[in-house]
Amino acid sequence: MTETNMNTSNPYDGERRAGTVGLPLPGVELKVTDPATGAELARGEVGQIEVRGANVFKGYWQMPEKTAAELRGDGFFITGDLGVQDGEGYVTIVGRGKDLIISGGYNIYPKEIELVLDDQPGVLESAVIGVAHPDMGEGVVAVLVPSGEGPDIAAIEAEVSRALARFKHPRRYVTLPELPRNTMGKVQKNALRTQFADLLSD
């Protein structure tokens, strides 16, 4: 991160676990906390990732309110990432806090759904977003970028039903020729949420 540089890494000596971002680097403290209360969570629970160390910045230039919102008084920086730390300390990132979907009281992490969708034939890449739903608060929408002959939506729905709990299933699938990205190449999910804001309203 710009605010912290590197925080974790899979070790050169020791087990390298695919799918994780590894262990906190020497001198970096990391904890997973409840987004609502800031209380530290037990290992294995998903929450927001916070880090502290000499690598962490002192604050945003001339932005005291933003600094106060994201940098705690004890020096822990709220990264905005959602993740989980296992019993051995390995960290897995499951998404960004602002991308969390809350549907019918359930927390839904888009990355888990995207991993399933990205493995399907005819899908180059995907982005999963939450948009307003009249009954559930938010509903899941899957945005797919086709490859080759394009996706077979019925086959994808069948695989999603097999792989994921019912409350995580997308309510709609839409295709775009490409996903909107910023200058750093990151997918702009806020633009997708705006584009499809009314998709589930009727």
C-alpha atoms as a PDB file:
ATOM      1  CA  MET A   1       0.000   0.000   0.000  1.00  0.00           C
ATOM      2  CA  THR A   2       1.091   3.586  -0.588  1.00  0.00           C
ATOM      3  CA  GLU A   3       0.478   4.299   3.102  1.00  0.00           C
ATOM      4  CA  THR A   4       2.494   1.357   4.388  1.00  0.00           C
ATOM      5  CA  ASN A   5       4.653  -0.200   1.640  1.00  0.00           C
ATOM      6  CA  MET A   6       4.807  -4.002   2.092  1.00  0.00           C
ATOM      7  CA  ASN A   7       3.182  -5.623   5.100  1.00  0.00           C
ATOM      8  CA  THR A   8       3.191  -9.371   4.463  1.00  0.00           C
ATOM      9  CA  SER A   9       4.947 -11.951   2.356  1.00  0.00           C
ATOM     10  CA  ASN A  10       5.127 -15.687   1.895  1.00  0.00           C
ATOM     11  CA  PRO A  11       8.467 -16.742   3.413  1.00  0.00           C
ATOM     12  CA  TYR A  12      11.573 -17.718   1.442  1.00  0.00           C
ATOM     13  CA  ASP A  13      12.321 -20.255   4.160  1.00  0.00           C
ATOM     14  CA  GLY A  14       9.184 -22.062   5.216  1.00  0.00           C
ATOM     15  CA  GLU A  15       5.841 -22.953   3.740  1.00  0.00           C
ATOM     16  CA  ARG A  16       4.550 -20.785   0.914  1.00  0.00           C
ATOM     17  CA  ARG A  17       0.756 -21.032   0.876  1.00  0.00           C
ATOM     18  CA  ALA A  18      -0.968 -20.333  -2.415  1.00  0.00           C
ATOM     19  CA  GLY A  19      -3.957 -18.029  -2.116  1.00  0.00           C
ATOM     20  CA  THR A  20      -2.535 -16.213   0.908  1.00  0.00           C
ATOM     21  CA  VAL A  21      -0.416 -13.077   1.120  1.00  0.00           C
ATOM     22  CA  GLY A  22       1.766 -14.860   3.647  1.00  0.00           C
ATOM     23  CA  LEU A  23       2.906 -13.781   7.084  1.00  0.00           C
ATOM     24  CA  PRO A  24       3.425 -10.299   8.539  1.00  0.00           C
ATOM     25  CA  LEU A  25       6.953  -9.099   7.802  1.00  0.00           C
ATOM     26  CA  PRO A  26       9.416  -8.551  10.663  1.00  0.00           C
ATOM     27  CA  GLY A  27       8.513  -5.352  12.488  1.00  0.00           C
ATOM     28  CA  VAL A  28       4.917  -5.364  11.212  1.00  0.00           C
ATOM     29  CA  GLU A  29       2.044  -6.044  13.600  1.00  0.00           C
ATOM     30  CA  LEU A  30      -1.180  -7.207  11.993  1.00  0.00           C
ATOM     31  CA  LYS A  31      -4.622  -7.844  13.421  1.00  0.00           C
ATOM     32  CA  VAL A  32      -8.096  -8.529  12.078  1.00  0.00           C
ATOM     33  CA  THR A  33     -10.847  -6.456  13.657  1.00  0.00           C
ATOM     34  CA  ASP A  34     -14.610  -6.062  13.663  1.00  0.00           C
ATOM     35  CA  PRO A  35     -15.429  -3.222  11.201  1.00  0.00           C
ATOM     36  CA  ALA A  36     -18.249  -1.981  13.439  1.00  0.00           C
ATOM     37  CA  THR A  37     -16.467  -1.931  16.805  1.00  0.00           C
ATOM     38  CA  GLY A  38     -12.742  -2.127  16.071  1.00  0.00           C
ATOM     39  CA  ALA A  39     -12.419  -5.060  18.484  1.00  0.00           C
ATOM     40  CA  GLU A  40      -9.812  -7.662  17.549  1.00  0.00           C
ATOM     41  CA  LEU A  41     -11.312 -10.891  16.215  1.00  0.00           C
ATOM     42  CA  ALA A  42     -10.187 -14.439  16.844  1.00  0.00           C
ATOM     43  CA  ARG A  43      -8.014 -16.236  14.307  1.00  0.00           C
ATOM     44  CA  GLY A  44     -10.144 -17.661  11.517  1.00  0.00           C
ATOM     45  CA  GLU A  45     -12.742 -14.874  11.583  1.00  0.00           C
ATOM     46  CA  VAL A  46     -13.137 -12.446   8.684  1.00  0.00           C
ATOM     47  CA  GLY A  47     -12.764  -8.752   9.426  1.00  0.00           C
ATOM     48  CA  GLN A  48     -10.853  -5.641   8.472  1.00  0.00           C
ATOM     49  CA  ILE A  49      -7.074  -5.826   8.369  1.00  0.00           C
ATOM     50  CA  GLU A  50      -5.108  -3.328  10.462  1.00  0.00           C
ATOM     51  CA  VAL A  51      -1.327  -2.965  10.542  1.00  0.00           C
ATOM     52  CA  ARG A  52       1.216  -1.128  12.680  1.00  0.00           C
ATOM     53  CA  GLY A  53       4.963  -0.680  12.294  1.00  0.00           C
ATOM     54  CA  ALA A  54       7.775   1.616  11.260  1.00  0.00           C
ATOM     55  CA  ASN A  55       6.619   1.179   7.665  1.00  0.00           C
ATOM     56  CA  VAL A  56       3.257   2.840   8.353  1.00  0.00           C
ATOM     57  CA  PHE A  57       2.906   6.485   7.378  1.00  0.00           C
ATOM     58  CA  LYS A  58       2.225   9.264   9.900  1.00  0.00           C
ATOM     59  CA  GLY A  59      -0.888  10.599   8.226  1.00  0.00           C
ATOM     60  CA  TYR A  60      -2.343  12.175   5.086  1.00  0.00           C
ATOM     61  CA  TRP A  61      -0.880  15.531   4.080  1.00  0.00           C
ATOM     62  CA  GLN A  62      -3.186  18.339   5.240  1.00  0.00           C
ATOM     63  CA  MET A  63      -6.097  15.887   5.650  1.00  0.00           C
ATOM     64  CA  PRO A  64      -6.583  15.538   9.409  1.00  0.00           C
ATOM     65  CA  GLU A  65     -10.127  14.159   9.174  1.00  0.00           C
ATOM     66  CA  LYS A  66      -9.098  11.375   6.773  1.00  0.00           C
ATOM     67  CA  THR A  67      -6.079  10.632   8.957  1.00  0.00           C
ATOM     68  CA  ALA A  68      -8.248  10.373  12.060  1.00  0.00           C
ATOM     69  CA  ALA A  69     -10.678   8.063  10.262  1.00  0.00           C
ATOM     70  CA  GLU A  70      -8.044   5.604   9.037  1.00  0.00           C
ATOM     71  CA  LEU A  71      -5.107   5.846  11.467  1.00  0.00           C
ATOM     72  CA  ARG A  72      -5.870   4.927  15.057  1.00  0.00           C
ATOM     73  CA  GLY A  73      -4.332   6.721  18.007  1.00  0.00           C
ATOM     74  CA  ASP A  74      -2.263   3.639  18.865  1.00  0.00           C
ATOM     75  CA  GLY A  75      -0.681   3.635  15.393  1.00  0.00           C
ATOM     76  CA  PHE A  76      -2.725   0.884  13.757  1.00  0.00           C
ATOM     77  CA  PHE A  77      -3.711   1.750  10.183  1.00  0.00           C
ATOM     78  CA  ILE A  78      -7.075   0.532   8.859  1.00  0.00           C
ATOM     79  CA  THR A  79      -6.130  -0.811   5.441  1.00  0.00           C
ATOM     80  CA  GLY A  80      -9.639  -1.133   4.012  1.00  0.00           C
ATOM     81  CA  ASP A  81      -8.966  -4.769   3.125  1.00  0.00           C
ATOM     82  CA  LEU A  82     -11.097  -7.571   4.504  1.00  0.00           C
ATOM     83  CA  GLY A  83      -9.240 -10.718   5.408  1.00  0.00           C
ATOM     84  CA  VAL A  84      -8.664 -13.627   7.721  1.00  0.00           C
ATOM     85  CA  GLN A  85      -5.580 -14.839   9.581  1.00  0.00           C
ATOM     86  CA  ASP A  86      -5.204 -18.553  10.217  1.00  0.00           C
ATOM     87  CA  GLY A  87      -3.772 -20.233  13.276  1.00  0.00           C
ATOM     88  CA  GLU A  88      -0.218 -20.070  11.924  1.00  0.00           C
ATOM     89  CA  GLY A  89      -0.518 -16.374  11.071  1.00  0.00           C
ATOM     90  CA  TYR A  90      -0.960 -16.620   7.299  1.00  0.00           C
ATOM     91  CA  VAL A  91      -3.207 -13.883   5.938  1.00  0.00           C
ATOM     92  CA  THR A  92      -5.813 -14.287   3.195  1.00  0.00           C
ATOM     93  CA  ILE A  93      -7.480 -11.227   1.689  1.00  0.00           C
ATOM     94  CA  VAL A  94     -11.122 -11.757   0.787  1.00  0.00           C
ATOM     95  CA  GLY A  95     -11.925  -8.310  -0.618  1.00  0.00           C
ATOM     96  CA  ARG A  96     -12.225  -4.612   0.078  1.00  0.00           C
ATOM     97  CA  GLY A  97     -14.442  -3.336   2.852  1.00  0.00           C
ATOM     98  CA  LYS A  98     -16.244  -0.956   0.522  1.00  0.00           C
ATOM     99  CA  ASP A  99     -17.088  -3.861  -1.802  1.00  0.00           C
ATOM    100  CA  LEU A 100     -18.690  -6.000   0.914  1.00  0.00           C
ATOM    101  CA  ILE A 101     -22.266  -6.960  -0.008  1.00  0.00           C
ATOM    102  CA  ILE A 102     -24.854  -7.259   2.757  1.00  0.00           C
ATOM    103  CA  SER A 103     -27.902  -9.150   1.539  1.00  0.00           C
ATOM    104  CA  GLY A 104     -30.665 -10.221   3.873  1.00  0.00           C
ATOM    105  CA  GLY A 105     -28.318  -9.777   6.816  1.00  0.00           C
ATOM    106  CA  TYR A 106     -25.606 -11.994   5.307  1.00  0.00           C
ATOM    107  CA  ASN A 107     -22.093 -10.731   4.570  1.00  0.00           C
ATOM    108  CA  ILE A 108     -21.050 -11.674   1.035  1.00  0.00           C
ATOM    109  CA  TYR A 109     -17.450 -11.334  -0.149  1.00  0.00           C
ATOM    110  CA  PRO A 110     -17.316 -10.747  -3.926  1.00  0.00           C
ATOM    111  CA  LYS A 111     -13.896 -12.336  -4.367  1.00  0.00           C
ATOM    112  CA  GLU A 112     -15.227 -15.765  -3.365  1.00  0.00           C
ATOM    113  CA  ILE A 113     -17.849 -15.587  -6.131  1.00  0.00           C
ATOM    114  CA  GLU A 114     -15.427 -14.107  -8.667  1.00  0.00           C
ATOM    115  CA  LEU A 115     -13.029 -17.028  -8.191  1.00  0.00           C
ATOM    116  CA  VAL A 116     -15.811 -19.415  -9.229  1.00  0.00           C
ATOM    117  CA  LEU A 117     -16.922 -17.276 -12.170  1.00  0.00           C
ATOM    118  CA  ASP A 118     -13.398 -16.713 -13.500  1.00  0.00           C
ATOM    119  CA  ASP A 119     -12.937 -20.486 -13.806  1.00  0.00           C
ATOM    120  CA  GLN A 120     -15.949 -20.919 -16.101  1.00  0.00           C
ATOM    121  CA  PRO A 121     -15.613 -21.493 -19.868  1.00  0.00           C
ATOM    122  CA  GLY A 122     -16.282 -18.379 -21.900  1.00  0.00           C
ATOM    123  CA  VAL A 123     -15.430 -16.001 -19.045  1.00  0.00           C
ATOM    124  CA  LEU A 124     -12.308 -13.873 -19.408  1.00  0.00           C
ATOM    125  CA  GLU A 125     -12.840 -12.113 -16.076  1.00  0.00           C
ATOM    126  CA  SER A 126     -15.608 -11.083 -13.736  1.00  0.00           C
ATOM    127  CA  ALA A 127     -16.607  -8.474 -11.191  1.00  0.00           C
ATOM    128  CA  VAL A 128     -19.246  -9.067  -8.538  1.00  0.00           C
ATOM    129  CA  ILE A 129     -21.092  -6.097  -7.065  1.00  0.00           C
ATOM    130  CA  GLY A 130     -23.977  -5.385  -4.750  1.00  0.00           C
ATOM    131  CA  VAL A 131     -26.836  -3.177  -5.904  1.00  0.00           C
ATOM    132  CA  ALA A 132     -29.999  -2.047  -4.184  1.00  0.00           C
ATOM    133  CA  HIS A 133     -32.659  -4.727  -3.746  1.00  0.00           C
ATOM    134  CA  PRO A 134     -36.188  -3.846  -2.522  1.00  0.00           C
ATOM    135  CA  ASP A 135     -36.417  -6.779  -0.093  1.00  0.00           C
ATOM    136  CA  MET A 136     -32.844  -7.871   0.717  1.00  0.00           C
ATOM    137  CA  GLY A 137     -31.104  -4.508   1.041  1.00  0.00           C
ATOM    138  CA  GLU A 138     -28.576  -5.493  -1.594  1.00  0.00           C
ATOM    139  CA  GLY A 139     -28.556  -8.160  -4.272  1.00  0.00           C
ATOM    140  CA  VAL A 140     -25.604  -9.794  -5.996  1.00  0.00           C
ATOM    141  CA  VAL A 141     -24.925  -8.929  -9.635  1.00  0.00           C
ATOM    142  CA  ALA A 142     -22.220 -10.669 -11.676  1.00  0.00           C
ATOM    143  CA  VAL A 143     -20.581  -8.701 -14.475  1.00  0.00           C
ATOM    144  CA  LEU A 144     -18.821 -10.967 -16.975  1.00  0.00           C
ATOM    145  CA  VAL A 145     -16.319 -10.197 -19.715  1.00  0.00           C
ATOM    146  CA  PRO A 146     -16.718 -12.857 -22.416  1.00  0.00           C
ATOM    147  CA  SER A 147     -13.941 -14.809 -24.080  1.00  0.00           C
ATOM    148  CA  GLY A 148     -14.192 -17.051 -27.123  1.00  0.00           C
ATOM    149  CA  GLU A 149     -17.809 -17.970 -27.780  1.00  0.00           C
ATOM    150  CA  GLY A 150     -18.868 -16.334 -24.552  1.00  0.00           C
ATOM    151  CA  PRO A 151     -20.354 -17.674 -21.322  1.00  0.00           C
ATOM    152  CA  ASP A 152     -23.117 -20.251 -21.022  1.00  0.00           C
ATOM    153  CA  ILE A 153     -25.151 -18.595 -18.274  1.00  0.00           C
ATOM    154  CA  ALA A 154     -27.226 -21.707 -17.528  1.00  0.00           C
ATOM    155  CA  ALA A 155     -24.055 -23.762 -17.042  1.00  0.00           C
ATOM    156  CA  ILE A 156     -22.547 -21.047 -14.868  1.00  0.00           C
ATOM    157  CA  GLU A 157     -25.670 -20.904 -12.711  1.00  0.00           C
ATOM    158  CA  ALA A 158     -25.469 -24.664 -12.242  1.00  0.00           C
ATOM    159  CA  GLU A 159     -21.836 -24.483 -11.158  1.00  0.00           C
ATOM    160  CA  VAL A 160     -22.511 -21.557  -8.825  1.00  0.00           C
ATOM    161  CA  SER A 161     -25.380 -23.552  -7.257  1.00  0.00           C
ATOM    162  CA  ARG A 162     -22.996 -26.446  -6.680  1.00  0.00           C
ATOM    163  CA  ALA A 163     -20.097 -24.393  -5.352  1.00  0.00           C
ATOM    164  CA  LEU A 164     -21.698 -21.629  -3.280  1.00  0.00           C
ATOM    165  CA  ALA A 165     -24.374 -21.195  -0.649  1.00  0.00           C
ATOM    166  CA  ARG A 166     -27.726 -19.983  -1.957  1.00  0.00           C
ATOM    167  CA  PHE A 167     -27.464 -16.484  -0.484  1.00  0.00           C
ATOM    168  CA  LYS A 168     -24.263 -15.894  -2.493  1.00  0.00           C
ATOM    169  CA  HIS A 169     -25.815 -16.641  -5.895  1.00  0.00           C
ATOM    170  CA  PRO A 170     -25.960 -13.701  -8.321  1.00  0.00           C
ATOM    171  CA  ARG A 171     -29.488 -12.539  -9.021  1.00  0.00           C
ATOM    172  CA  ARG A 172     -28.482 -11.228 -12.436  1.00  0.00           C
ATOM    173  CA  TYR A 173     -25.649 -11.867 -14.896  1.00  0.00           C
ATOM    174  CA  VAL A 174     -24.650  -9.133 -17.324  1.00  0.00           C
ATOM    175  CA  THR A 175     -21.842  -8.974 -19.883  1.00  0.00           C
ATOM    176  CA  LEU A 176     -19.573  -6.107 -20.845  1.00  0.00           C
ATOM    177  CA  PRO A 177     -16.792  -6.017 -23.442  1.00  0.00           C
ATOM    178  CA  GLU A 178     -14.406  -4.902 -20.688  1.00  0.00           C
ATOM    179  CA  LEU A 179     -14.425  -3.825 -17.045  1.00  0.00           C
ATOM    180  CA  PRO A 180     -13.879  -0.158 -16.170  1.00  0.00           C
ATOM    181  CA  ARG A 181     -10.433   0.428 -14.676  1.00  0.00           C
ATOM    182  CA  ASN A 182      -8.494   3.336 -13.227  1.00  0.00           C
ATOM    183  CA  THR A 183      -5.031   4.422 -14.339  1.00  0.00           C
ATOM    184  CA  MET A 184      -3.494   1.824 -11.994  1.00  0.00           C
ATOM    185  CA  GLY A 185      -5.464  -0.940 -13.697  1.00  0.00           C
ATOM    186  CA  LYS A 186      -7.796  -1.588 -10.762  1.00  0.00           C
ATOM    187  CA  VAL A 187     -11.402  -2.459 -11.539  1.00  0.00           C
ATOM    188  CA  GLN A 188     -13.699   0.451 -10.717  1.00  0.00           C
ATOM    189  CA  LYS A 189     -16.554  -1.307  -8.963  1.00  0.00           C
ATOM    190  CA  ASN A 190     -18.068   2.021  -7.953  1.00  0.00           C
ATOM    191  CA  ALA A 191     -18.616   2.750 -11.659  1.00  0.00           C
ATOM    192  CA  LEU A 192     -20.289  -0.635 -12.100  1.00  0.00           C
ATOM    193  CA  ARG A 193     -22.517  -0.035  -9.076  1.00  0.00           C
ATOM    194  CA  THR A 194     -23.599   3.273 -10.597  1.00  0.00           C
ATOM    195  CA  GLN A 195     -24.175   1.746 -14.035  1.00  0.00           C
ATOM    196  CA  PHE A 196     -26.335  -1.082 -12.702  1.00  0.00           C
ATOM    197  CA  ALA A 197     -27.844   0.696  -9.686  1.00  0.00           C
ATOM    198  CA  ASP A 198     -31.459   0.082 -10.812  1.00  0.00           C
ATOM    199  CA  LEU A 199     -30.997  -3.439 -12.189  1.00  0.00           C
ATOM    200  CA  LEU A 200     -32.837  -5.155  -9.322  1.00  0.00           C
ATOM    201  CA  SER A 201     -35.341  -2.434  -8.525  1.00  0.00           C
ATOM    202  CA  ASP A 202     -38.244  -3.995 -10.420  1.00  0.00           C
END
